[in-house]
Amino acid sequence: MKKIYLLFLLFLSATVSAQNEKLSSASEFIDRSSFIQINLDENESAVFKSGWNETVQFYPAEIIDLKQNTKMYGLNVTAEYLVTQQNADNFRVKEDAWIGMEEIGDMVVWLEEYVIPNLNNTTGKKKAVKYIFNSNELTLKFEIYDNKQVFSVQLNNSMFPDKYFWTEARVKEIPKVLETLRYLLTKA
C-alpha cells in the first residue's frame, strides 16, 4: 500500500510541476517534433561527480526533427542523483534539462565575468558571496563561504524540486563548462 501511495504522490507532483514548467527553446523544439534525433558530443562535454557518486553532465547537442528535416543546437544537462523518500527505499533518478541557444550567451558572460575570476577568492570569516545564473530550466550557483566554494546545479522542472547536484571538490573544473559552451557556439 505504501508503494502505491508513493507512486500516486510522484504522479501528483509531476502533474503539478508540469503545469508550472518554463521550457527552453530546445525543449519546445523537441516537444513539437514527432521524430527526433539528438546527437550528444561526449568529446566536448563537462562532467562533474560528487562524493556520493552523483553526477551532472553538460553536453553540446544537435537536435534534429527527422520528419521536418530541421535542426537546432542546445545544451543538454543530465543530472543523476540518489533520492531518499521517507518510509521508502532509496533510488537513483536521472533527469534532463535543456538550455536553448538564446540563453547560452548569458551563461558564457556569467561564467567569464563572475565565476571564473573568483575561483581563487575567499570571503573572510562569516562572510559569503553567491553568484546565481537562472535560465528557463536550470539554476546554477557558485557560492563562496569563508574559505569554501560550492558549485550547484538545480533542474528547475525536476520531479524532485528539493534535490539538486552540488560539489566542493570539483569547483576548479567549472572552466570545462565554459569550454563546452564555446564549442557549442561554434556549431550554431
Protein backbone atom coordinates (compact mmCIF):
# COMPACT_ATOMS: atom_id res chain seq x y z
CA MET A 1 0.00 0.00 0.00
CA LYS A 2 2.88 2.36 0.80
CA LYS A 3 4.34 1.87 -2.69
CA ILE A 4 1.01 2.70 -4.35
CA TYR A 5 0.71 5.81 -2.21
CA LEU A 6 4.29 6.83 -3.08
CA LEU A 7 3.61 6.35 -6.81
CA PHE A 8 0.44 8.43 -6.51
CA LEU A 9 2.39 11.23 -4.79
CA LEU A 10 5.06 11.12 -7.52
CA PHE A 11 2.37 11.31 -10.24
CA LEU A 12 0.61 14.18 -8.46
CA SER A 13 3.90 16.02 -8.01
CA ALA A 14 4.77 15.58 -11.70
CA THR A 15 1.33 16.82 -12.77
CA VAL A 16 1.52 19.95 -10.61
CA SER A 17 5.10 20.77 -11.60
CA ALA A 18 4.35 20.22 -15.30
CA GLN A 19 1.77 22.99 -15.11
CA ASN A 20 4.39 25.45 -13.83
CA GLU A 21 7.25 24.50 -16.16
CA LYS A 22 9.19 27.06 -18.13
CA LEU A 23 10.71 25.39 -21.17
CA SER A 24 13.75 26.33 -23.19
CA SER A 25 13.57 26.69 -26.96
CA ALA A 26 15.37 23.32 -27.24
CA SER A 27 12.71 21.57 -25.14
CA GLU A 28 9.93 23.24 -27.10
CA PHE A 29 11.56 22.06 -30.36
CA ILE A 30 11.74 18.50 -29.00
CA ASP A 31 8.12 18.59 -27.77
CA ARG A 32 6.81 19.88 -31.13
CA SER A 33 8.55 17.18 -33.13
CA SER A 34 7.27 13.65 -33.61
CA PHE A 35 10.56 12.05 -34.79
CA ILE A 36 13.70 13.32 -33.06
CA GLN A 37 17.37 12.53 -33.28
CA ILE A 38 19.68 14.01 -30.63
CA ASN A 39 23.43 13.91 -31.19
CA LEU A 40 25.39 14.48 -27.98
CA ASP A 41 29.09 15.19 -28.27
CA GLU A 42 30.77 13.46 -25.33
CA ASN A 43 34.20 14.67 -26.51
CA GLU A 44 33.21 18.24 -25.70
CA SER A 45 31.20 17.60 -22.52
CA ALA A 46 31.84 18.75 -18.97
CA VAL A 47 31.18 16.16 -16.27
CA PHE A 48 31.05 16.69 -12.51
CA LYS A 49 30.88 13.93 -9.90
CA SER A 50 30.12 14.32 -6.24
CA GLY A 51 31.41 12.28 -3.35
CA TRP A 52 28.06 10.44 -3.23
CA ASN A 53 28.50 9.21 -6.80
CA GLU A 54 26.01 11.74 -8.12
CA THR A 55 26.76 13.36 -11.46
CA VAL A 56 25.82 16.27 -13.66
CA GLN A 57 26.88 16.37 -17.31
CA PHE A 58 26.83 19.25 -19.77
CA TYR A 59 26.58 18.06 -23.39
CA PRO A 60 26.53 20.16 -26.54
CA ALA A 61 23.70 18.74 -28.61
CA GLU A 62 22.45 18.82 -32.16
CA ILE A 63 18.69 18.25 -32.18
CA ILE A 64 17.15 17.11 -35.47
CA ASP A 65 13.47 16.93 -36.35
CA LEU A 66 13.61 13.96 -38.73
CA LYS A 67 10.12 14.49 -40.13
CA GLN A 68 10.54 18.20 -40.95
CA ASN A 69 14.27 17.91 -41.71
CA THR A 70 15.12 20.85 -39.44
CA LYS A 71 17.70 21.12 -36.71
CA MET A 72 18.87 23.30 -33.88
CA TYR A 73 21.56 23.26 -31.21
CA GLY A 74 21.29 23.38 -27.44
CA LEU A 75 22.96 22.33 -24.23
CA ASN A 76 21.72 19.13 -22.62
CA VAL A 77 22.24 18.94 -18.86
CA THR A 78 21.76 15.49 -17.34
CA ALA A 79 21.74 15.06 -13.58
CA GLU A 80 21.80 11.71 -11.80
CA TYR A 81 21.35 11.58 -8.06
CA LEU A 82 20.17 9.45 -5.17
CA VAL A 83 16.69 10.20 -3.81
CA THR A 84 15.69 9.26 -0.31
CA GLN A 85 11.97 9.09 0.41
CA GLN A 86 10.54 8.72 3.88
CA ASN A 87 9.45 5.11 4.53
CA ALA A 88 10.67 4.01 1.10
CA ASP A 89 13.79 2.57 -0.49
CA ASN A 90 16.44 4.91 -1.87
CA PHE A 91 16.52 5.08 -5.64
CA ARG A 92 18.56 6.75 -8.36
CA VAL A 93 16.99 9.41 -10.56
CA LYS A 94 18.23 10.64 -13.93
CA GLU A 95 16.70 13.85 -15.26
CA ASP A 96 17.43 16.21 -18.15
CA ALA A 97 17.24 19.94 -18.63
CA TRP A 98 17.92 21.95 -21.77
CA ILE A 99 19.48 25.33 -22.38
CA GLY A 100 18.46 26.96 -25.65
CA MET A 101 20.98 28.87 -27.75
CA GLU A 102 19.32 32.16 -26.80
CA GLU A 103 20.44 31.56 -23.19
CA ILE A 104 23.99 30.37 -23.94
CA GLY A 105 25.45 33.88 -24.37
CA ASP A 106 24.26 34.95 -20.92
CA MET A 107 25.64 31.76 -19.40
CA VAL A 108 29.04 32.47 -21.00
CA VAL A 109 29.03 36.01 -19.59
CA TRP A 110 28.11 34.73 -16.12
CA LEU A 111 30.97 32.22 -16.17
CA GLU A 112 33.58 34.54 -17.74
CA GLU A 113 32.88 37.69 -15.76
CA TYR A 114 31.68 36.49 -12.37
CA VAL A 115 32.56 32.87 -11.65
CA ILE A 116 35.93 32.05 -13.19
CA PRO A 117 37.65 35.27 -12.00
CA ASN A 118 36.58 34.36 -8.44
CA LEU A 119 37.67 30.71 -8.38
CA ASN A 120 40.66 31.54 -6.19
CA ASN A 121 38.90 34.03 -3.92
CA THR A 122 37.84 33.68 -0.31
CA THR A 123 35.41 35.90 1.56
CA GLY A 124 36.84 36.06 5.06
CA LYS A 125 35.26 34.88 8.28
CA LYS A 126 31.47 34.76 8.49
CA LYS A 127 31.01 36.20 5.00
CA ALA A 128 29.54 34.72 1.85
CA VAL A 129 29.19 35.63 -1.82
CA LYS A 130 26.74 33.93 -4.18
CA TYR A 131 26.70 34.11 -7.98
CA ILE A 132 23.49 32.74 -9.50
CA PHE A 133 22.56 32.06 -13.12
CA ASN A 134 18.87 31.46 -13.88
CA SER A 135 17.65 30.01 -17.15
CA ASN A 136 14.28 28.56 -18.02
CA GLU A 137 15.14 25.01 -16.99
CA LEU A 138 18.28 25.34 -14.90
CA THR A 139 19.72 27.30 -11.99
CA LEU A 140 23.48 27.37 -11.45
CA LYS A 141 25.07 28.68 -8.26
CA PHE A 142 28.66 29.40 -7.37
CA GLU A 143 28.98 30.19 -3.68
CA ILE A 144 31.95 31.21 -1.57
CA TYR A 145 31.70 30.77 2.22
CA ASP A 146 34.78 31.75 4.22
CA ASN A 147 37.39 29.52 2.52
CA LYS A 148 34.93 27.05 0.95
CA GLN A 149 33.47 27.13 -2.55
CA VAL A 150 30.40 25.24 -3.77
CA PHE A 151 29.09 24.75 -7.30
CA SER A 152 25.49 23.58 -7.53
CA VAL A 153 23.14 22.70 -10.37
CA GLN A 154 19.38 22.59 -9.90
CA LEU A 155 16.95 21.42 -12.57
CA ASN A 156 14.01 23.80 -12.33
CA ASN A 157 11.45 21.34 -13.76
CA SER A 158 12.55 18.40 -11.64
CA MET A 159 10.09 15.91 -10.19
CA PHE A 160 12.18 16.26 -7.02
CA PRO A 161 12.49 20.05 -6.51
CA ASP A 162 14.36 19.72 -3.22
CA LYS A 163 17.05 17.55 -4.86
CA TYR A 164 19.99 19.10 -6.69
CA PHE A 165 23.62 18.41 -7.54
CA TRP A 166 26.43 20.16 -5.66
CA THR A 167 30.17 19.77 -5.29
CA GLU A 168 33.01 21.36 -3.37
CA ALA A 169 35.77 19.10 -4.64
CA ARG A 170 35.22 19.80 -8.37
CA VAL A 171 34.79 23.58 -8.32
CA LYS A 172 38.09 24.11 -10.15
CA GLU A 173 36.61 22.21 -13.13
CA ILE A 174 33.99 24.92 -13.82
CA PRO A 175 36.05 26.27 -16.78
CA LYS A 176 35.23 22.99 -18.59
CA VAL A 177 31.60 24.15 -18.77
CA LEU A 178 32.76 27.34 -20.46
CA GLU A 179 34.77 25.29 -22.98
CA THR A 180 31.66 23.24 -23.74
CA LEU A 181 29.62 26.41 -24.30
CA ARG A 182 32.25 27.94 -26.57
CA TYR A 183 32.34 24.74 -28.63
CA LEU A 184 28.55 24.85 -28.91
CA LEU A 185 28.64 28.47 -30.08
CA THR A 186 30.92 27.48 -32.97
CA LYS A 187 28.30 24.95 -34.13
CA ALA A 188 25.28 27.23 -34.13
